[in-house]
Amino acid sequence: MAGFCSKPVLIFVVAFIFFGNHHAFAQEDKTSGISHFSGNISVTNNGLSLIPAFSLNRPAAIFELSVGGERLSFDPEMRFALDGQPWSFIFWWRYKIVKSDKFKLHIGAHPAFIFENKMVDDGNGNMIESMEAKRFFAGEISPSYNFNENNKITFLYLQGRSLGKVPFALNQFVALGTSHTNVRLSEKLFLNAKPQLFYLKMNEKDGYFASGSLVIGKKDFPVSIGSIISKKIVSEIEVDNWIWNLSLIYSFNNEFVKRSNPLL
């Protein structure tokens, strides 16, 4: 299984780095729907999820991609353990309803697959390890208000439901936070910080949490160091009191340039 699953990892790494090193793409008018292609590749010591119960809790590689136009984008997230075993696949579609200098509002929806290893009976009385994919469908709504170019307040409401024959699960996630980008640490170094408080409900259990993400990077350099920290405040959901990780992140952000004639 590890050998088979390592192939998607290699394909994503090659594709992301190849496209990430091209800073502009010339397009003819008939292909005018796509205006950007961006993403992050990160390697972390501890795979954490937006919903703590879905965390991998071991080293992982995470591929985040965004491709689309000014309003509509496709934002897949592909996550693997470092041995190549899939952790989760999330296929986001997002649409920006309001896009002004101060106020933004987007909605999104996705199917998702969460992979787990379980011991099952092989039919001969022997217990063997088997991978199970749990299917979910979720939707989100997220308004934000920009105080200035680098500081904003954000809100997120997300609801997800299980699909298939697994026991029914309904997850609700509500978060209020702020975002502070390009905080100057020195002439070359900057800091991005995103603290938030969130409420999580999973079926009949719920809880309150605080979390934050930090990224330290160098201007005009694609590799940065990031960390996520999450603290349980009050919760009936069984998760660790503290969870955290460190990540090495490769980022790219390219734009497609529309031209009436292709460049020679």
C-alpha atoms as a PDB file:
ATOM      1  CA  MET A   1       0.000   0.000   0.000  1.00  0.00           C
ATOM      2  CA  ALA A   2       2.799   2.463   0.875  1.00  0.00           C
ATOM      3  CA  GLY A   3       4.500   1.914  -2.484  1.00  0.00           C
ATOM      4  CA  PHE A   4       1.272   2.488  -4.411  1.00  0.00           C
ATOM      5  CA  CYS A   5       0.283   5.606  -2.452  1.00  0.00           C
ATOM      6  CA  SER A   6       3.717   7.209  -2.801  1.00  0.00           C
ATOM      7  CA  LYS A   7       3.080   7.680  -6.568  1.00  0.00           C
ATOM      8  CA  PRO A   8       0.422  10.425  -6.077  1.00  0.00           C
ATOM      9  CA  VAL A   9       2.814  12.215  -3.714  1.00  0.00           C
ATOM     10  CA  LEU A  10       5.584  12.220  -6.336  1.00  0.00           C
ATOM     11  CA  ILE A  11       3.195  13.387  -9.079  1.00  0.00           C
ATOM     12  CA  PHE A  12       1.944  16.312  -6.953  1.00  0.00           C
ATOM     13  CA  VAL A  13       5.459  17.385  -5.941  1.00  0.00           C
ATOM     14  CA  VAL A  14       6.704  17.396  -9.551  1.00  0.00           C
ATOM     15  CA  ALA A  15       3.602  19.187 -10.876  1.00  0.00           C
ATOM     16  CA  PHE A  16       3.552  21.833  -8.153  1.00  0.00           C
ATOM     17  CA  ILE A  17       7.259  22.673  -8.407  1.00  0.00           C
ATOM     18  CA  PHE A  18       7.119  22.746 -12.225  1.00  0.00           C
ATOM     19  CA  PHE A  19       4.202  25.176 -12.321  1.00  0.00           C
ATOM     20  CA  GLY A  20       5.397  27.081  -9.270  1.00  0.00           C
ATOM     21  CA  ASN A  21       8.597  28.172 -11.037  1.00  0.00           C
ATOM     22  CA  HIS A  22       6.742  29.818 -13.948  1.00  0.00           C
ATOM     23  CA  HIS A  23       5.827  33.412 -13.112  1.00  0.00           C
ATOM     24  CA  ALA A  24       3.433  34.157 -15.989  1.00  0.00           C
ATOM     25  CA  PHE A  25       1.397  32.273 -18.559  1.00  0.00           C
ATOM     26  CA  ALA A  26       0.224  33.686 -21.900  1.00  0.00           C
ATOM     27  CA  GLN A  27      -3.333  32.712 -22.778  1.00  0.00           C
ATOM     28  CA  GLU A  28      -5.555  33.333 -25.795  1.00  0.00           C
ATOM     29  CA  ASP A  29      -8.952  34.947 -25.353  1.00  0.00           C
ATOM     30  CA  LYS A  30     -10.783  31.658 -25.756  1.00  0.00           C
ATOM     31  CA  THR A  31      -9.175  30.393 -22.502  1.00  0.00           C
ATOM     32  CA  SER A  32      -9.978  33.488 -20.476  1.00  0.00           C
ATOM     33  CA  GLY A  33     -11.681  31.713 -17.551  1.00  0.00           C
ATOM     34  CA  ILE A  34      -8.520  31.128 -15.462  1.00  0.00           C
ATOM     35  CA  SER A  35      -6.625  34.053 -13.976  1.00  0.00           C
ATOM     36  CA  HIS A  36      -4.502  32.501 -11.206  1.00  0.00           C
ATOM     37  CA  PHE A  37      -2.675  29.355 -10.167  1.00  0.00           C
ATOM     38  CA  SER A  38      -1.234  29.262  -6.646  1.00  0.00           C
ATOM     39  CA  GLY A  39      -0.520  26.849  -3.872  1.00  0.00           C
ATOM     40  CA  ASN A  40       1.485  25.596  -0.926  1.00  0.00           C
ATOM     41  CA  ILE A  41       3.417  22.394  -0.344  1.00  0.00           C
ATOM     42  CA  SER A  42       4.193  21.780   3.306  1.00  0.00           C
ATOM     43  CA  VAL A  43       5.919  19.050   5.269  1.00  0.00           C
ATOM     44  CA  THR A  44       5.033  18.903   8.954  1.00  0.00           C
ATOM     45  CA  ASN A  45       5.993  16.901  12.028  1.00  0.00           C
ATOM     46  CA  ASN A  46       2.326  16.596  13.043  1.00  0.00           C
ATOM     47  CA  GLY A  47      -0.615  16.525  10.612  1.00  0.00           C
ATOM     48  CA  LEU A  48      -3.363  18.723  12.071  1.00  0.00           C
ATOM     49  CA  SER A  49      -6.874  19.301  10.743  1.00  0.00           C
ATOM     50  CA  LEU A  50      -9.303  22.214  11.034  1.00  0.00           C
ATOM     51  CA  ILE A  51     -11.483  19.742  12.966  1.00  0.00           C
ATOM     52  CA  PRO A  52      -9.147  18.290  15.667  1.00  0.00           C
ATOM     53  CA  ALA A  53     -10.788  14.848  15.624  1.00  0.00           C
ATOM     54  CA  PHE A  54      -9.713  14.422  11.965  1.00  0.00           C
ATOM     55  CA  SER A  55      -6.026  15.151  12.658  1.00  0.00           C
ATOM     56  CA  LEU A  56      -3.445  12.597  11.554  1.00  0.00           C
ATOM     57  CA  ASN A  57      -1.180  13.142  14.593  1.00  0.00           C
ATOM     58  CA  ARG A  58       1.972  12.047  12.795  1.00  0.00           C
ATOM     59  CA  PRO A  59       4.328  13.511  10.161  1.00  0.00           C
ATOM     60  CA  ALA A  60       2.564  14.487   6.944  1.00  0.00           C
ATOM     61  CA  ALA A  61       2.847  16.204   3.566  1.00  0.00           C
ATOM     62  CA  ILE A  62       0.087  18.626   2.567  1.00  0.00           C
ATOM     63  CA  PHE A  63      -0.638  19.947  -0.934  1.00  0.00           C
ATOM     64  CA  GLU A  64      -2.930  22.991  -1.223  1.00  0.00           C
ATOM     65  CA  LEU A  65      -3.800  24.298  -4.664  1.00  0.00           C
ATOM     66  CA  SER A  66      -5.994  27.098  -6.007  1.00  0.00           C
ATOM     67  CA  VAL A  67      -6.834  27.602  -9.673  1.00  0.00           C
ATOM     68  CA  GLY A  68      -9.587  29.774 -11.118  1.00  0.00           C
ATOM     69  CA  GLY A  69     -10.789  33.224 -12.004  1.00  0.00           C
ATOM     70  CA  GLU A  70     -11.706  36.414 -10.214  1.00  0.00           C
ATOM     71  CA  ARG A  71     -14.842  34.886  -8.634  1.00  0.00           C
ATOM     72  CA  LEU A  72     -14.840  31.096  -8.913  1.00  0.00           C
ATOM     73  CA  SER A  73     -11.934  28.882  -7.855  1.00  0.00           C
ATOM     74  CA  PHE A  74     -11.172  25.199  -7.373  1.00  0.00           C
ATOM     75  CA  ASP A  75      -9.107  24.697  -4.191  1.00  0.00           C
ATOM     76  CA  PRO A  76      -8.194  21.043  -3.639  1.00  0.00           C
ATOM     77  CA  GLU A  77      -6.291  19.914  -0.531  1.00  0.00           C
ATOM     78  CA  MET A  78      -4.439  16.591  -0.723  1.00  0.00           C
ATOM     79  CA  ARG A  79      -2.900  15.257   2.493  1.00  0.00           C
ATOM     80  CA  PHE A  80      -0.653  12.244   2.970  1.00  0.00           C
ATOM     81  CA  ALA A  81       1.348  10.630   5.739  1.00  0.00           C
ATOM     82  CA  LEU A  82       5.055  10.750   4.930  1.00  0.00           C
ATOM     83  CA  ASP A  83       5.035   7.013   4.130  1.00  0.00           C
ATOM     84  CA  GLY A  84       2.703   7.834   1.206  1.00  0.00           C
ATOM     85  CA  GLN A  85      -0.539   6.658   2.806  1.00  0.00           C
ATOM     86  CA  PRO A  86      -3.437   9.045   2.045  1.00  0.00           C
ATOM     87  CA  TRP A  87      -4.834  10.968   4.999  1.00  0.00           C
ATOM     88  CA  SER A  88      -7.574  13.148   3.486  1.00  0.00           C
ATOM     89  CA  PHE A  89      -8.661  14.576   0.113  1.00  0.00           C
ATOM     90  CA  ILE A  90     -10.803  17.743   0.127  1.00  0.00           C
ATOM     91  CA  PHE A  91     -12.071  19.191  -3.159  1.00  0.00           C
ATOM     92  CA  TRP A  92     -13.223  22.757  -2.470  1.00  0.00           C
ATOM     93  CA  TRP A  93     -15.185  24.915  -4.905  1.00  0.00           C
ATOM     94  CA  ARG A  94     -15.417  28.533  -3.735  1.00  0.00           C
ATOM     95  CA  TYR A  95     -17.281  31.525  -5.131  1.00  0.00           C
ATOM     96  CA  LYS A  96     -16.677  35.157  -4.138  1.00  0.00           C
ATOM     97  CA  ILE A  97     -20.096  36.829  -3.855  1.00  0.00           C
ATOM     98  CA  VAL A  98     -18.779  40.193  -2.655  1.00  0.00           C
ATOM     99  CA  LYS A  99     -15.277  41.403  -3.457  1.00  0.00           C
ATOM    100  CA  SER A 100     -14.627  45.005  -2.441  1.00  0.00           C
ATOM    101  CA  ASP A 101     -11.665  46.776  -0.862  1.00  0.00           C
ATOM    102  CA  LYS A 102     -13.120  46.544   2.655  1.00  0.00           C
ATOM    103  CA  PHE A 103     -15.679  43.744   2.687  1.00  0.00           C
ATOM    104  CA  LYS A 104     -15.501  40.275   1.149  1.00  0.00           C
ATOM    105  CA  LEU A 105     -17.917  37.364   1.250  1.00  0.00           C
ATOM    106  CA  HIS A 106     -17.455  33.908  -0.223  1.00  0.00           C
ATOM    107  CA  ILE A 107     -19.322  30.623  -0.107  1.00  0.00           C
ATOM    108  CA  GLY A 108     -17.908  27.173  -0.736  1.00  0.00           C
ATOM    109  CA  ALA A 109     -18.726  23.482  -0.872  1.00  0.00           C
ATOM    110  CA  HIS A 110     -16.741  20.287  -1.141  1.00  0.00           C
ATOM    111  CA  PRO A 111     -16.821  16.508  -1.089  1.00  0.00           C
ATOM    112  CA  ALA A 112     -14.152  15.051   1.206  1.00  0.00           C
ATOM    113  CA  PHE A 113     -12.583  11.674   1.902  1.00  0.00           C
ATOM    114  CA  ILE A 114     -11.008  10.835   5.275  1.00  0.00           C
ATOM    115  CA  PHE A 115      -8.866   7.672   5.273  1.00  0.00           C
ATOM    116  CA  GLU A 116      -8.471   5.430   8.318  1.00  0.00           C
ATOM    117  CA  ASN A 117      -6.791   2.072   8.945  1.00  0.00           C
ATOM    118  CA  LYS A 118      -8.955  -0.452  10.770  1.00  0.00           C
ATOM    119  CA  MET A 119      -8.645  -4.101  11.759  1.00  0.00           C
ATOM    120  CA  VAL A 120     -11.241  -6.245   9.951  1.00  0.00           C
ATOM    121  CA  ASP A 121     -12.020  -9.954   9.680  1.00  0.00           C
ATOM    122  CA  ASP A 122     -10.724 -11.441   6.405  1.00  0.00           C
ATOM    123  CA  GLY A 123     -13.489 -14.066   6.402  1.00  0.00           C
ATOM    124  CA  ASN A 124     -11.220 -16.805   7.715  1.00  0.00           C
ATOM    125  CA  GLY A 125     -11.157 -15.687  11.317  1.00  0.00           C
ATOM    126  CA  ASN A 126      -8.005 -13.591  10.896  1.00  0.00           C
ATOM    127  CA  MET A 127      -7.858  -9.886  11.700  1.00  0.00           C
ATOM    128  CA  ILE A 128      -6.071  -7.851   9.048  1.00  0.00           C
ATOM    129  CA  GLU A 129      -5.465  -4.139   8.584  1.00  0.00           C
ATOM    130  CA  SER A 130      -7.631  -2.467   5.942  1.00  0.00           C
ATOM    131  CA  MET A 131      -7.962   1.123   4.792  1.00  0.00           C
ATOM    132  CA  GLU A 132     -11.424   2.680   4.966  1.00  0.00           C
ATOM    133  CA  ALA A 133     -12.461   5.908   3.247  1.00  0.00           C
ATOM    134  CA  LYS A 134     -15.162   7.916   5.015  1.00  0.00           C
ATOM    135  CA  ARG A 135     -17.053  10.289   2.727  1.00  0.00           C
ATOM    136  CA  PHE A 136     -18.342  13.718   3.721  1.00  0.00           C
ATOM    137  CA  PHE A 137     -19.976  16.704   2.084  1.00  0.00           C
ATOM    138  CA  ALA A 138     -19.600  20.188   3.559  1.00  0.00           C
ATOM    139  CA  GLY A 139     -20.477  23.801   2.856  1.00  0.00           C
ATOM    140  CA  GLU A 140     -19.138  27.063   4.234  1.00  0.00           C
ATOM    141  CA  ILE A 141     -19.893  30.773   4.318  1.00  0.00           C
ATOM    142  CA  SER A 142     -17.138  33.236   5.204  1.00  0.00           C
ATOM    143  CA  PRO A 143     -17.355  37.053   5.385  1.00  0.00           C
ATOM    144  CA  SER A 144     -14.328  39.224   6.206  1.00  0.00           C
ATOM    145  CA  TYR A 145     -13.691  42.910   6.797  1.00  0.00           C
ATOM    146  CA  ASN A 146     -10.377  44.580   5.931  1.00  0.00           C
ATOM    147  CA  PHE A 147      -9.220  47.359   8.249  1.00  0.00           C
ATOM    148  CA  ASN A 148      -6.303  47.930   5.884  1.00  0.00           C
ATOM    149  CA  GLU A 149      -4.213  45.969   3.404  1.00  0.00           C
ATOM    150  CA  ASN A 150      -2.611  43.719   6.036  1.00  0.00           C
ATOM    151  CA  ASN A 151      -5.167  43.447   8.858  1.00  0.00           C
ATOM    152  CA  LYS A 152      -8.674  42.022   8.793  1.00  0.00           C
ATOM    153  CA  ILE A 153     -11.315  40.284  10.887  1.00  0.00           C
ATOM    154  CA  THR A 154     -12.750  36.964   9.655  1.00  0.00           C
ATOM    155  CA  PHE A 155     -15.757  34.770  10.338  1.00  0.00           C
ATOM    156  CA  LEU A 156     -16.354  31.207   9.166  1.00  0.00           C
ATOM    157  CA  TYR A 157     -19.348  28.898   9.433  1.00  0.00           C
ATOM    158  CA  LEU A 158     -18.893  25.363   8.127  1.00  0.00           C
ATOM    159  CA  GLN A 159     -21.262  22.392   8.248  1.00  0.00           C
ATOM    160  CA  GLY A 160     -20.400  18.867   7.134  1.00  0.00           C
ATOM    161  CA  ARG A 161     -22.409  15.642   6.872  1.00  0.00           C
ATOM    162  CA  SER A 162     -21.260  12.069   6.487  1.00  0.00           C
ATOM    163  CA  LEU A 163     -22.220  10.105   3.372  1.00  0.00           C
ATOM    164  CA  GLY A 164     -22.562   6.404   2.682  1.00  0.00           C
ATOM    165  CA  LYS A 165     -23.246   3.568   5.114  1.00  0.00           C
ATOM    166  CA  VAL A 166     -21.056   4.804   7.983  1.00  0.00           C
ATOM    167  CA  PRO A 167     -22.824   6.020  11.162  1.00  0.00           C
ATOM    168  CA  PHE A 168     -24.362   9.438  10.531  1.00  0.00           C
ATOM    169  CA  ALA A 169     -22.218  12.384  11.581  1.00  0.00           C
ATOM    170  CA  LEU A 170     -23.050  16.094  11.558  1.00  0.00           C
ATOM    171  CA  ASN A 171     -20.206  18.512  12.184  1.00  0.00           C
ATOM    172  CA  GLN A 172     -20.602  22.259  12.703  1.00  0.00           C
ATOM    173  CA  PHE A 173     -17.669  24.658  12.943  1.00  0.00           C
ATOM    174  CA  VAL A 174     -17.933  28.366  13.807  1.00  0.00           C
ATOM    175  CA  ALA A 175     -14.801  30.538  13.987  1.00  0.00           C
ATOM    176  CA  LEU A 176     -14.066  34.201  14.658  1.00  0.00           C
ATOM    177  CA  GLY A 177     -10.545  35.443  14.113  1.00  0.00           C
ATOM    178  CA  THR A 178      -8.178  38.070  12.808  1.00  0.00           C
ATOM    179  CA  SER A 179      -5.485  38.007  10.149  1.00  0.00           C
ATOM    180  CA  HIS A 180      -2.262  40.028  10.251  1.00  0.00           C
ATOM    181  CA  THR A 181       0.063  39.703   7.257  1.00  0.00           C
ATOM    182  CA  ASN A 182       3.460  41.124   6.328  1.00  0.00           C
ATOM    183  CA  VAL A 183       4.303  42.149   9.901  1.00  0.00           C
ATOM    184  CA  ARG A 184       7.870  43.404   9.605  1.00  0.00           C
ATOM    185  CA  LEU A 185      10.437  41.581  11.741  1.00  0.00           C
ATOM    186  CA  SER A 186      13.507  42.954   9.956  1.00  0.00           C
ATOM    187  CA  GLU A 187      14.447  44.374   6.586  1.00  0.00           C
ATOM    188  CA  LYS A 188      14.066  40.926   5.009  1.00  0.00           C
ATOM    189  CA  LEU A 189      11.881  38.885   7.394  1.00  0.00           C
ATOM    190  CA  PHE A 190       8.101  39.102   7.841  1.00  0.00           C
ATOM    191  CA  LEU A 191       5.458  37.419  10.002  1.00  0.00           C
ATOM    192  CA  ASN A 192       1.897  36.310   9.206  1.00  0.00           C
ATOM    193  CA  ALA A 193      -0.358  35.595  12.202  1.00  0.00           C
ATOM    194  CA  LYS A 194      -3.949  34.306  12.309  1.00  0.00           C
ATOM    195  CA  PRO A 195      -5.396  33.824  15.829  1.00  0.00           C
ATOM    196  CA  GLN A 196      -8.980  32.631  16.251  1.00  0.00           C
ATOM    197  CA  LEU A 197     -11.583  31.276  18.650  1.00  0.00           C
ATOM    198  CA  PHE A 198     -13.838  28.501  17.411  1.00  0.00           C
ATOM    199  CA  TYR A 199     -16.810  26.387  18.430  1.00  0.00           C
ATOM    200  CA  LEU A 200     -17.072  22.794  17.225  1.00  0.00           C
ATOM    201  CA  LYS A 201     -20.104  20.501  17.420  1.00  0.00           C
ATOM    202  CA  MET A 202     -19.872  16.839  16.406  1.00  0.00           C
ATOM    203  CA  ASN A 203     -23.302  15.177  16.673  1.00  0.00           C
ATOM    204  CA  GLU A 204     -24.299  15.556  20.353  1.00  0.00           C
ATOM    205  CA  LYS A 205     -20.884  16.656  21.658  1.00  0.00           C
ATOM    206  CA  ASP A 206     -19.396  20.125  21.402  1.00  0.00           C
ATOM    207  CA  GLY A 207     -16.532  22.263  22.618  1.00  0.00           C
ATOM    208  CA  TYR A 208     -14.770  25.629  22.549  1.00  0.00           C
ATOM    209  CA  PHE A 209     -11.182  26.057  21.375  1.00  0.00           C
ATOM    210  CA  ALA A 210      -8.513  28.684  20.687  1.00  0.00           C
ATOM    211  CA  SER A 211      -6.005  28.324  17.898  1.00  0.00           C
ATOM    212  CA  GLY A 212      -3.480  30.287  15.936  1.00  0.00           C
ATOM    213  CA  SER A 213      -1.198  29.918  12.947  1.00  0.00           C
ATOM    214  CA  LEU A 214       2.151  31.656  12.456  1.00  0.00           C
ATOM    215  CA  VAL A 215       4.339  31.868   9.365  1.00  0.00           C
ATOM    216  CA  ILE A 216       7.809  33.432   9.276  1.00  0.00           C
ATOM    217  CA  GLY A 217       9.230  34.063   5.828  1.00  0.00           C
ATOM    218  CA  LYS A 218      11.787  36.006   3.864  1.00  0.00           C
ATOM    219  CA  LYS A 219      10.801  38.520   1.199  1.00  0.00           C
ATOM    220  CA  ASP A 220      11.086  37.229  -2.376  1.00  0.00           C
ATOM    221  CA  PHE A 221      11.894  33.708  -1.128  1.00  0.00           C
ATOM    222  CA  PRO A 222       9.379  30.868  -1.631  1.00  0.00           C
ATOM    223  CA  VAL A 223      10.203  28.797   1.483  1.00  0.00           C
ATOM    224  CA  SER A 224       8.894  29.707   4.942  1.00  0.00           C
ATOM    225  CA  ILE A 225       8.454  28.156   8.392  1.00  0.00           C
ATOM    226  CA  GLY A 226       4.993  27.796   9.899  1.00  0.00           C
ATOM    227  CA  SER A 227       3.311  26.546  13.056  1.00  0.00           C
ATOM    228  CA  ILE A 228      -0.243  25.809  14.198  1.00  0.00           C
ATOM    229  CA  ILE A 229      -1.214  25.718  17.883  1.00  0.00           C
ATOM    230  CA  SER A 230      -4.642  24.696  19.204  1.00  0.00           C
ATOM    231  CA  LYS A 231      -5.836  24.765  22.823  1.00  0.00           C
ATOM    232  CA  LYS A 232      -8.963  23.120  24.190  1.00  0.00           C
ATOM    233  CA  ILE A 233     -10.920  25.548  26.403  1.00  0.00           C
ATOM    234  CA  VAL A 234     -14.025  23.531  27.353  1.00  0.00           C
ATOM    235  CA  SER A 235     -14.952  20.422  25.369  1.00  0.00           C
ATOM    236  CA  GLU A 236     -16.960  17.206  25.506  1.00  0.00           C
ATOM    237  CA  ILE A 237     -15.122  16.081  22.353  1.00  0.00           C
ATOM    238  CA  GLU A 238     -12.185  13.842  23.230  1.00  0.00           C
ATOM    239  CA  VAL A 239      -9.077  15.584  21.859  1.00  0.00           C
ATOM    240  CA  ASP A 240      -5.716  16.508  23.353  1.00  0.00           C
ATOM    241  CA  ASN A 241      -5.586  19.580  25.574  1.00  0.00           C
ATOM    242  CA  TRP A 242      -2.795  21.092  23.436  1.00  0.00           C
ATOM    243  CA  ILE A 243      -1.889  20.252  19.855  1.00  0.00           C
ATOM    244  CA  TRP A 244       0.805  21.931  17.770  1.00  0.00           C
ATOM    245  CA  ASN A 245       3.103  21.423  14.820  1.00  0.00           C
ATOM    246  CA  LEU A 246       6.000  22.883  12.852  1.00  0.00           C
ATOM    247  CA  SER A 247       5.977  22.982   9.049  1.00  0.00           C
ATOM    248  CA  LEU A 248       8.332  23.765   6.194  1.00  0.00           C
ATOM    249  CA  ILE A 249       6.295  25.463   3.444  1.00  0.00           C
ATOM    250  CA  TYR A 250       6.992  26.037  -0.246  1.00  0.00           C
ATOM    251  CA  SER A 251       4.623  28.620  -1.774  1.00  0.00           C
ATOM    252  CA  PHE A 252       3.943  29.994  -5.228  1.00  0.00           C
ATOM    253  CA  ASN A 253       1.438  32.473  -6.621  1.00  0.00           C
ATOM    254  CA  ASN A 254       1.226  32.900 -10.391  1.00  0.00           C
ATOM    255  CA  GLU A 255      -1.113  34.863 -12.613  1.00  0.00           C
ATOM    256  CA  PHE A 256      -2.373  34.018 -16.079  1.00  0.00           C
ATOM    257  CA  VAL A 257      -2.031  36.926 -18.491  1.00  0.00           C
ATOM    258  CA  LYS A 258      -4.679  37.191 -21.220  1.00  0.00           C
ATOM    259  CA  ARG A 259      -3.339  38.268 -24.606  1.00  0.00           C
ATOM    260  CA  SER A 260      -5.052  38.650 -27.973  1.00  0.00           C
ATOM    261  CA  ASN A 261      -2.177  36.811 -29.654  1.00  0.00           C
ATOM    262  CA  PRO A 262       0.133  34.159 -28.242  1.00  0.00           C
ATOM    263  CA  LEU A 263       3.676  35.189 -27.463  1.00  0.00           C
ATOM    264  CA  LEU A 264       6.335  33.783 -29.782  1.00  0.00           C
END
